[in-house]
Amino acid sequence: MPELPDVEGFRGVLVSCAKGRVIRRVDVRDAGVLHGVSVRRLRDALEGRRFTTPERHGKWLLAHTGGPTLLLHFGMTGRLLCARPDDAVEAHDRVLFDLSGDRQLRYRDQRKLQGLWLADDDLAVARVLDRQGPDALTVEREEFEAALSARRGRIKTALTDQSVVAGLGNLLADEILWRAGLHPGARAADLTQAELRHLYSHMRRTLRSAVSAGCVPPRDSWLTGHRDDPDPVCPRCGTHLRRTRQAGRGTVWCPRCQRGAA
């Protein structure tokens, strides 16, 4: 499932493939990925315009054109790719953008759980993103601590709630909590000031590494590198990892390294 580092990578694809290029044609091969906009309106709004500098907020990618903004959300299986117009089209390529300079930007998504939105101005962009909290990569420590302290639920649930902090998903939340030594089932409101600062610090470090990798990397020194092993052990202490489900998500933690583990 694409999380903040993946979407930051897609932002890089948009920059290298499409920035400054004219959108010659919009080919919607599956209108099921469009939200609140028809195929005709999408084409009328975008064809003839140029992609400018894109932005990312949490798991959302904002493709600006100097007029309307195309907002992309990648759900669980979405991707953004750069191709050439004569390259073979894949079965899950849902929307194709033919660009000047013989480039083609492709929105590919197998499960179609999210998709594309069109916003005519900044107010419309804000309406689409109105339930998003501050971006996890840029949020200030004081705002992060205040947001978590106000939550009554479990810390992992709070971290993956996009209205609290935008961009963290299942893999990142487990990785950050493991690095911070906090049990995913601990109550967010029960964390001390020192624990919140420690958590923020590890979130920033983990995100910087993951953004550099373009994903949550399954490195041997990371929890992510072992969570899918048949009999996973903690890369820090060698203890067998525990698995459970929390808020419908598969959750992995170390009962020795993370406070509150049974």
C-alpha atoms as a PDB file:
ATOM      1  CA  MET A   1       0.000   0.000   0.000  1.00  0.00           C
ATOM      2  CA  PRO A   2       1.578   3.324  -1.019  1.00  0.00           C
ATOM      3  CA  GLU A   3       2.522   5.456   1.972  1.00  0.00           C
ATOM      4  CA  LEU A   4       4.194   8.858   2.210  1.00  0.00           C
ATOM      5  CA  PRO A   5       7.613   7.724   0.838  1.00  0.00           C
ATOM      6  CA  ASP A   6       5.996   6.033  -2.167  1.00  0.00           C
ATOM      7  CA  VAL A   7       3.918   9.106  -2.981  1.00  0.00           C
ATOM      8  CA  GLU A   8       7.001  11.287  -2.634  1.00  0.00           C
ATOM      9  CA  GLY A   9       8.553   8.989  -5.224  1.00  0.00           C
ATOM     10  CA  PHE A  10       5.520   9.460  -7.480  1.00  0.00           C
ATOM     11  CA  ARG A  11       5.989  13.213  -7.079  1.00  0.00           C
ATOM     12  CA  GLY A  12       9.499  12.727  -8.438  1.00  0.00           C
ATOM     13  CA  VAL A  13       8.082  10.784 -11.390  1.00  0.00           C
ATOM     14  CA  LEU A  14       5.690  13.633 -12.124  1.00  0.00           C
ATOM     15  CA  VAL A  15       8.527  16.171 -11.983  1.00  0.00           C
ATOM     16  CA  SER A  16      10.904  14.233 -14.228  1.00  0.00           C
ATOM     17  CA  CYS A  17       8.276  13.033 -16.694  1.00  0.00           C
ATOM     18  CA  ALA A  18       5.760  15.840 -16.934  1.00  0.00           C
ATOM     19  CA  LYS A  19       6.817  19.149 -15.373  1.00  0.00           C
ATOM     20  CA  GLY A  20       6.711  21.895 -17.974  1.00  0.00           C
ATOM     21  CA  ARG A  21       5.206  19.649 -20.634  1.00  0.00           C
ATOM     22  CA  VAL A  22       1.931  20.320 -22.416  1.00  0.00           C
ATOM     23  CA  ILE A  23      -0.901  17.844 -21.838  1.00  0.00           C
ATOM     24  CA  ARG A  24      -1.753  16.934 -25.417  1.00  0.00           C
ATOM     25  CA  ARG A  25      -4.431  14.350 -24.675  1.00  0.00           C
ATOM     26  CA  VAL A  26      -6.131  12.736 -21.693  1.00  0.00           C
ATOM     27  CA  ASP A  27      -7.153   9.125 -22.346  1.00  0.00           C
ATOM     28  CA  VAL A  28      -9.462   7.786 -19.620  1.00  0.00           C
ATOM     29  CA  ARG A  29      -9.543   4.035 -20.069  1.00  0.00           C
ATOM     30  CA  ASP A  30     -11.571   3.427 -16.904  1.00  0.00           C
ATOM     31  CA  ALA A  31     -13.864   6.190 -15.609  1.00  0.00           C
ATOM     32  CA  GLY A  32     -14.256   4.226 -12.367  1.00  0.00           C
ATOM     33  CA  VAL A  33     -11.168   5.962 -10.982  1.00  0.00           C
ATOM     34  CA  LEU A  34     -12.625   9.453 -11.483  1.00  0.00           C
ATOM     35  CA  HIS A  35     -14.292  11.120  -8.487  1.00  0.00           C
ATOM     36  CA  GLY A  36     -16.642  14.051  -8.909  1.00  0.00           C
ATOM     37  CA  VAL A  37     -15.533  14.751 -12.467  1.00  0.00           C
ATOM     38  CA  SER A  38     -16.642  13.382 -15.822  1.00  0.00           C
ATOM     39  CA  VAL A  39     -14.302  12.216 -18.555  1.00  0.00           C
ATOM     40  CA  ARG A  40     -15.300  15.167 -20.741  1.00  0.00           C
ATOM     41  CA  ARG A  41     -14.749  17.744 -17.995  1.00  0.00           C
ATOM     42  CA  LEU A  42     -11.373  16.266 -17.112  1.00  0.00           C
ATOM     43  CA  ARG A  43     -10.245  16.457 -20.725  1.00  0.00           C
ATOM     44  CA  ASP A  44     -11.612  19.976 -21.240  1.00  0.00           C
ATOM     45  CA  ALA A  45      -9.920  21.198 -18.065  1.00  0.00           C
ATOM     46  CA  LEU A  46      -6.481  19.690 -18.667  1.00  0.00           C
ATOM     47  CA  GLU A  47      -5.805  19.333 -22.386  1.00  0.00           C
ATOM     48  CA  GLY A  48      -3.624  22.167 -23.638  1.00  0.00           C
ATOM     49  CA  ARG A  49      -2.303  23.047 -20.171  1.00  0.00           C
ATOM     50  CA  ARG A  50       1.167  22.388 -18.771  1.00  0.00           C
ATOM     51  CA  PHE A  51       2.014  20.499 -15.607  1.00  0.00           C
ATOM     52  CA  THR A  52       3.831  22.805 -13.190  1.00  0.00           C
ATOM     53  CA  THR A  53       5.614  22.035  -9.909  1.00  0.00           C
ATOM     54  CA  PRO A  54       3.667  19.319  -8.054  1.00  0.00           C
ATOM     55  CA  GLU A  55       3.143  19.027  -4.311  1.00  0.00           C
ATOM     56  CA  ARG A  56       2.459  16.182  -1.926  1.00  0.00           C
ATOM     57  CA  HIS A  57       0.381  16.210   1.251  1.00  0.00           C
ATOM     58  CA  GLY A  58       0.344  12.941   3.154  1.00  0.00           C
ATOM     59  CA  LYS A  59      -0.659  10.263   0.672  1.00  0.00           C
ATOM     60  CA  TRP A  60      -2.089  12.792  -1.798  1.00  0.00           C
ATOM     61  CA  LEU A  61      -0.267  14.063  -4.883  1.00  0.00           C
ATOM     62  CA  LEU A  62      -1.261  17.482  -6.212  1.00  0.00           C
ATOM     63  CA  ALA A  63      -0.512  17.918  -9.924  1.00  0.00           C
ATOM     64  CA  HIS A  64      -0.782  21.655 -10.582  1.00  0.00           C
ATOM     65  CA  THR A  65      -1.281  23.117 -14.053  1.00  0.00           C
ATOM     66  CA  GLY A  66      -1.419  26.871 -13.413  1.00  0.00           C
ATOM     67  CA  GLY A  67      -5.204  26.467 -13.481  1.00  0.00           C
ATOM     68  CA  PRO A  68      -7.066  23.371 -12.273  1.00  0.00           C
ATOM     69  CA  THR A  69      -5.246  20.963  -9.984  1.00  0.00           C
ATOM     70  CA  LEU A  70      -5.384  17.215 -10.493  1.00  0.00           C
ATOM     71  CA  LEU A  71      -5.346  15.363  -7.164  1.00  0.00           C
ATOM     72  CA  LEU A  72      -4.236  11.743  -7.118  1.00  0.00           C
ATOM     73  CA  HIS A  73      -4.630   9.193  -4.335  1.00  0.00           C
ATOM     74  CA  PHE A  74      -3.141   5.751  -4.835  1.00  0.00           C
ATOM     75  CA  GLY A  75      -5.206   3.651  -2.448  1.00  0.00           C
ATOM     76  CA  MET A  76      -3.631   0.228  -1.929  1.00  0.00           C
ATOM     77  CA  THR A  77      -2.316  -0.561  -5.409  1.00  0.00           C
ATOM     78  CA  GLY A  78      -1.999   2.724  -7.321  1.00  0.00           C
ATOM     79  CA  ARG A  79       1.175   3.871  -9.090  1.00  0.00           C
ATOM     80  CA  LEU A  80       2.350   6.678 -11.341  1.00  0.00           C
ATOM     81  CA  LEU A  81       4.634   5.789 -14.224  1.00  0.00           C
ATOM     82  CA  CYS A  82       6.409   7.503 -17.094  1.00  0.00           C
ATOM     83  CA  ALA A  83       6.201   5.864 -20.511  1.00  0.00           C
ATOM     84  CA  ARG A  84       6.101   6.671 -24.213  1.00  0.00           C
ATOM     85  CA  PRO A  85       2.823   6.840 -26.137  1.00  0.00           C
ATOM     86  CA  ASP A  86       3.688   3.767 -28.215  1.00  0.00           C
ATOM     87  CA  ASP A  87       4.587   1.573 -25.212  1.00  0.00           C
ATOM     88  CA  ALA A  88       2.235  -1.347 -24.598  1.00  0.00           C
ATOM     89  CA  VAL A  89      -0.659  -0.416 -22.331  1.00  0.00           C
ATOM     90  CA  GLU A  90      -1.081  -2.574 -19.222  1.00  0.00           C
ATOM     91  CA  ALA A  91      -4.474  -3.924 -18.156  1.00  0.00           C
ATOM     92  CA  HIS A  92      -4.513  -1.723 -15.048  1.00  0.00           C
ATOM     93  CA  ASP A  93      -3.469   1.528 -16.742  1.00  0.00           C
ATOM     94  CA  ARG A  94      -6.586   3.568 -15.959  1.00  0.00           C
ATOM     95  CA  VAL A  95      -5.716   7.091 -17.181  1.00  0.00           C
ATOM     96  CA  LEU A  96      -3.035   8.087 -19.717  1.00  0.00           C
ATOM     97  CA  PHE A  97      -1.727  11.632 -20.219  1.00  0.00           C
ATOM     98  CA  ASP A  98      -0.028  12.180 -23.591  1.00  0.00           C
ATOM     99  CA  LEU A  99       2.547  14.934 -23.153  1.00  0.00           C
ATOM    100  CA  SER A 100       4.699  17.052 -25.405  1.00  0.00           C
ATOM    101  CA  GLY A 101       8.164  15.643 -26.023  1.00  0.00           C
ATOM    102  CA  ASP A 102       6.877  12.120 -26.689  1.00  0.00           C
ATOM    103  CA  ARG A 103       6.148  11.345 -23.030  1.00  0.00           C
ATOM    104  CA  GLN A 104       3.162   9.685 -21.439  1.00  0.00           C
ATOM    105  CA  LEU A 105       2.190   9.778 -17.756  1.00  0.00           C
ATOM    106  CA  ARG A 106       0.179   6.760 -16.590  1.00  0.00           C
ATOM    107  CA  TYR A 107      -2.025   6.266 -13.539  1.00  0.00           C
ATOM    108  CA  ARG A 108      -2.013   2.513 -12.933  1.00  0.00           C
ATOM    109  CA  ASP A 109      -4.179   0.883 -10.255  1.00  0.00           C
ATOM    110  CA  GLN A 110      -5.316  -2.697  -9.908  1.00  0.00           C
ATOM    111  CA  ARG A 111      -7.948  -2.407  -7.177  1.00  0.00           C
ATOM    112  CA  LYS A 112      -9.240   1.116  -7.879  1.00  0.00           C
ATOM    113  CA  LEU A 113      -9.872   1.985  -4.233  1.00  0.00           C
ATOM    114  CA  GLN A 114      -9.065   5.667  -4.760  1.00  0.00           C
ATOM    115  CA  GLY A 115      -8.222   7.558  -7.952  1.00  0.00           C
ATOM    116  CA  LEU A 116      -8.334  11.084  -9.403  1.00  0.00           C
ATOM    117  CA  TRP A 117     -10.085  14.311  -8.381  1.00  0.00           C
ATOM    118  CA  LEU A 118     -10.128  17.693 -10.141  1.00  0.00           C
ATOM    119  CA  ALA A 119     -10.074  20.985  -8.243  1.00  0.00           C
ATOM    120  CA  ASP A 120     -10.669  24.264 -10.070  1.00  0.00           C
ATOM    121  CA  ASP A 121      -8.923  26.464  -7.480  1.00  0.00           C
ATOM    122  CA  ASP A 122      -7.223  26.486  -4.068  1.00  0.00           C
ATOM    123  CA  LEU A 123     -10.551  26.446  -2.231  1.00  0.00           C
ATOM    124  CA  ALA A 124     -11.593  23.306  -4.099  1.00  0.00           C
ATOM    125  CA  VAL A 125      -8.231  21.702  -3.260  1.00  0.00           C
ATOM    126  CA  ALA A 126      -8.810  22.526   0.412  1.00  0.00           C
ATOM    127  CA  ARG A 127     -12.257  20.920   0.277  1.00  0.00           C
ATOM    128  CA  VAL A 128     -10.798  17.663  -1.044  1.00  0.00           C
ATOM    129  CA  LEU A 129      -8.109  17.678   1.649  1.00  0.00           C
ATOM    130  CA  ASP A 130     -10.268  19.082   4.458  1.00  0.00           C
ATOM    131  CA  ARG A 131      -9.998  15.967   6.649  1.00  0.00           C
ATOM    132  CA  GLN A 132      -6.226  15.668   6.342  1.00  0.00           C
ATOM    133  CA  GLY A 133      -4.026  16.465   9.301  1.00  0.00           C
ATOM    134  CA  PRO A 134      -0.578  18.032   8.986  1.00  0.00           C
ATOM    135  CA  ASP A 135       1.900  16.241   6.766  1.00  0.00           C
ATOM    136  CA  ALA A 136       4.001  13.739   8.716  1.00  0.00           C
ATOM    137  CA  LEU A 137       7.235  14.870   7.063  1.00  0.00           C
ATOM    138  CA  THR A 138       6.828  18.554   7.879  1.00  0.00           C
ATOM    139  CA  VAL A 139       4.659  18.685  11.021  1.00  0.00           C
ATOM    140  CA  GLU A 140       6.239  20.603  13.915  1.00  0.00           C
ATOM    141  CA  ARG A 141       6.944  18.674  17.097  1.00  0.00           C
ATOM    142  CA  GLU A 142       4.597  20.757  19.247  1.00  0.00           C
ATOM    143  CA  GLU A 143       1.683  20.228  16.859  1.00  0.00           C
ATOM    144  CA  PHE A 144       2.421  16.496  16.652  1.00  0.00           C
ATOM    145  CA  GLU A 145       2.549  16.098  20.424  1.00  0.00           C
ATOM    146  CA  ALA A 146      -0.641  18.089  20.950  1.00  0.00           C
ATOM    147  CA  ALA A 147      -2.535  16.066  18.354  1.00  0.00           C
ATOM    148  CA  LEU A 148      -1.561  12.727  19.883  1.00  0.00           C
ATOM    149  CA  SER A 149      -2.107  13.840  23.475  1.00  0.00           C
ATOM    150  CA  ALA A 150      -5.711  14.677  22.595  1.00  0.00           C
ATOM    151  CA  ARG A 151      -6.443  11.156  21.298  1.00  0.00           C
ATOM    152  CA  ARG A 152      -8.191   8.650  23.540  1.00  0.00           C
ATOM    153  CA  GLY A 153      -7.437   5.563  21.462  1.00  0.00           C
ATOM    154  CA  ARG A 154      -4.357   3.455  20.867  1.00  0.00           C
ATOM    155  CA  ILE A 155      -1.167   4.999  19.572  1.00  0.00           C
ATOM    156  CA  LYS A 156      -0.998   2.996  16.340  1.00  0.00           C
ATOM    157  CA  THR A 157      -4.584   3.879  15.485  1.00  0.00           C
ATOM    158  CA  ALA A 158      -3.759   7.550  16.060  1.00  0.00           C
ATOM    159  CA  LEU A 159      -0.645   7.434  13.876  1.00  0.00           C
ATOM    160  CA  THR A 160      -2.521   5.874  10.963  1.00  0.00           C
ATOM    161  CA  ASP A 161      -5.486   8.252  11.272  1.00  0.00           C
ATOM    162  CA  GLN A 162      -4.957  10.675   8.389  1.00  0.00           C
ATOM    163  CA  SER A 163      -6.889  13.412  10.213  1.00  0.00           C
ATOM    164  CA  VAL A 164      -4.280  13.332  12.994  1.00  0.00           C
ATOM    165  CA  VAL A 165      -1.137  13.190  10.864  1.00  0.00           C
ATOM    166  CA  ALA A 166      -1.171  12.606   7.106  1.00  0.00           C
ATOM    167  CA  GLY A 167       1.030  10.102   5.316  1.00  0.00           C
ATOM    168  CA  LEU A 168       1.627   7.218   7.727  1.00  0.00           C
ATOM    169  CA  GLY A 169       0.283   3.782   6.903  1.00  0.00           C
ATOM    170  CA  ASN A 170       0.555   0.336   8.410  1.00  0.00           C
ATOM    171  CA  LEU A 171       4.214  -0.368   7.645  1.00  0.00           C
ATOM    172  CA  LEU A 172       5.474   3.021   8.750  1.00  0.00           C
ATOM    173  CA  ALA A 173       3.461   3.019  11.958  1.00  0.00           C
ATOM    174  CA  ASP A 174       4.807  -0.392  13.011  1.00  0.00           C
ATOM    175  CA  GLU A 175       8.350   0.585  12.053  1.00  0.00           C
ATOM    176  CA  ILE A 176       8.261   3.897  13.928  1.00  0.00           C
ATOM    177  CA  LEU A 177       6.737   2.389  17.078  1.00  0.00           C
ATOM    178  CA  TRP A 178       9.316  -0.409  17.085  1.00  0.00           C
ATOM    179  CA  ARG A 179      12.147   2.090  16.766  1.00  0.00           C
ATOM    180  CA  ALA A 180      10.656   4.223  19.536  1.00  0.00           C
ATOM    181  CA  GLY A 181      10.145   1.207  21.817  1.00  0.00           C
ATOM    182  CA  LEU A 182       6.412   1.802  22.174  1.00  0.00           C
ATOM    183  CA  HIS A 183       3.750  -0.880  22.088  1.00  0.00           C
ATOM    184  CA  PRO A 184       1.155  -0.275  19.339  1.00  0.00           C
ATOM    185  CA  GLY A 185      -1.644  -0.891  21.842  1.00  0.00           C
ATOM    186  CA  ALA A 186      -0.501   1.790  24.285  1.00  0.00           C
ATOM    187  CA  ARG A 187      -2.986   4.608  24.816  1.00  0.00           C
ATOM    188  CA  ALA A 188      -1.895   7.758  23.019  1.00  0.00           C
ATOM    189  CA  ALA A 189      -3.076  10.011  25.851  1.00  0.00           C
ATOM    190  CA  ASP A 190      -0.999   8.012  28.368  1.00  0.00           C
ATOM    191  CA  LEU A 191       2.340   8.719  26.709  1.00  0.00           C
ATOM    192  CA  THR A 192       4.667  10.989  28.641  1.00  0.00           C
ATOM    193  CA  GLN A 193       6.130  14.168  27.170  1.00  0.00           C
ATOM    194  CA  ALA A 194       9.481  12.395  26.835  1.00  0.00           C
ATOM    195  CA  GLU A 195       7.891   9.458  25.018  1.00  0.00           C
ATOM    196  CA  LEU A 196       6.089  11.776  22.608  1.00  0.00           C
ATOM    197  CA  ARG A 197       9.333  13.587  21.825  1.00  0.00           C
ATOM    198  CA  HIS A 198      11.105  10.263  21.339  1.00  0.00           C
ATOM    199  CA  LEU A 199       8.317   9.100  19.019  1.00  0.00           C
ATOM    200  CA  TYR A 200       8.447  12.305  16.972  1.00  0.00           C
ATOM    201  CA  SER A 201      12.209  12.002  16.617  1.00  0.00           C
ATOM    202  CA  HIS A 202      11.988   8.433  15.359  1.00  0.00           C
ATOM    203  CA  MET A 203       9.167   9.319  12.991  1.00  0.00           C
ATOM    204  CA  ARG A 204      11.293  12.020  11.360  1.00  0.00           C
ATOM    205  CA  ARG A 205      14.349   9.779  11.072  1.00  0.00           C
ATOM    206  CA  THR A 206      12.362   6.860   9.691  1.00  0.00           C
ATOM    207  CA  LEU A 207      10.603   9.056   7.136  1.00  0.00           C
ATOM    208  CA  ARG A 208      13.850  10.605   5.924  1.00  0.00           C
ATOM    209  CA  SER A 209      15.355   7.158   5.321  1.00  0.00           C
ATOM    210  CA  ALA A 210      12.198   5.836   3.684  1.00  0.00           C
ATOM    211  CA  VAL A 211      11.828   8.865   1.407  1.00  0.00           C
ATOM    212  CA  SER A 212      15.427   8.374   0.251  1.00  0.00           C
ATOM    213  CA  ALA A 213      14.573   4.754  -0.585  1.00  0.00           C
ATOM    214  CA  GLY A 214      11.272   5.666  -2.284  1.00  0.00           C
ATOM    215  CA  CYS A 215       9.362   3.180  -0.108  1.00  0.00           C
ATOM    216  CA  VAL A 216       9.348   1.626   3.350  1.00  0.00           C
ATOM    217  CA  PRO A 217      12.454  -0.482   2.664  1.00  0.00           C
ATOM    218  CA  PRO A 218      12.508  -4.143   3.742  1.00  0.00           C
ATOM    219  CA  ARG A 219      16.062  -3.824   5.054  1.00  0.00           C
ATOM    220  CA  ASP A 220      17.488  -6.494   7.316  1.00  0.00           C
ATOM    221  CA  SER A 221      17.987  -3.942  10.100  1.00  0.00           C
ATOM    222  CA  TRP A 222      14.357  -2.768   9.875  1.00  0.00           C
ATOM    223  CA  LEU A 223      11.271  -4.392  11.364  1.00  0.00           C
ATOM    224  CA  THR A 224       9.774  -4.139   7.862  1.00  0.00           C
ATOM    225  CA  GLY A 225      12.456  -6.496   6.585  1.00  0.00           C
ATOM    226  CA  HIS A 226      11.236  -9.293   8.859  1.00  0.00           C
ATOM    227  CA  ARG A 227       7.488  -8.835   9.349  1.00  0.00           C
ATOM    228  CA  ASP A 228       6.605 -11.240   6.523  1.00  0.00           C
ATOM    229  CA  ASP A 229       9.095 -13.958   7.518  1.00  0.00           C
ATOM    230  CA  PRO A 230       7.504 -17.330   8.397  1.00  0.00           C
ATOM    231  CA  ASP A 231       8.869 -17.069  11.941  1.00  0.00           C
ATOM    232  CA  PRO A 232       9.925 -13.417  12.311  1.00  0.00           C
ATOM    233  CA  VAL A 233      12.397 -12.312  14.948  1.00  0.00           C
ATOM    234  CA  CYS A 234      13.321  -8.826  16.106  1.00  0.00           C
ATOM    235  CA  PRO A 235      16.396  -7.532  14.250  1.00  0.00           C
ATOM    236  CA  ARG A 236      17.422  -5.665  17.411  1.00  0.00           C
ATOM    237  CA  CYS A 237      17.188  -8.310  20.147  1.00  0.00           C
ATOM    238  CA  GLY A 238      16.354 -11.599  18.395  1.00  0.00           C
ATOM    239  CA  THR A 239      13.045 -12.093  20.239  1.00  0.00           C
ATOM    240  CA  HIS A 240      10.239 -13.705  18.254  1.00  0.00           C
ATOM    241  CA  LEU A 241       7.912 -10.997  16.977  1.00  0.00           C
ATOM    242  CA  ARG A 242       4.208 -10.955  17.818  1.00  0.00           C
ATOM    243  CA  ARG A 243       1.417 -10.508  15.297  1.00  0.00           C
ATOM    244  CA  THR A 244      -2.128  -9.324  15.857  1.00  0.00           C
ATOM    245  CA  ARG A 245      -4.774  -7.154  14.228  1.00  0.00           C
ATOM    246  CA  GLN A 246      -5.512  -3.648  15.383  1.00  0.00           C
ATOM    247  CA  ALA A 247      -8.292  -1.582  13.822  1.00  0.00           C
ATOM    248  CA  GLY A 248      -8.431  -4.167  11.041  1.00  0.00           C
ATOM    249  CA  ARG A 249      -4.720  -3.901  10.231  1.00  0.00           C
ATOM    250  CA  GLY A 250      -2.034  -6.534  10.619  1.00  0.00           C
ATOM    251  CA  THR A 251       0.249  -5.344  13.397  1.00  0.00           C
ATOM    252  CA  VAL A 252       3.747  -6.601  14.248  1.00  0.00           C
ATOM    253  CA  TRP A 253       5.784  -5.740  17.343  1.00  0.00           C
ATOM    254  CA  CYS A 254       8.525  -7.011  19.620  1.00  0.00           C
ATOM    255  CA  PRO A 255       7.368  -8.084  23.092  1.00  0.00           C
ATOM    256  CA  ARG A 256      10.804  -7.313  24.539  1.00  0.00           C
ATOM    257  CA  CYS A 257      11.673  -3.989  22.917  1.00  0.00           C
ATOM    258  CA  GLN A 258       8.275  -2.270  22.981  1.00  0.00           C
ATOM    259  CA  ARG A 259       6.798  -0.968  26.218  1.00  0.00           C
ATOM    260  CA  GLY A 260       3.604  -2.677  27.324  1.00  0.00           C
ATOM    261  CA  ALA A 261       4.106  -5.825  25.232  1.00  0.00           C
ATOM    262  CA  ALA A 262       2.924  -8.993  26.893  1.00  0.00           C
END
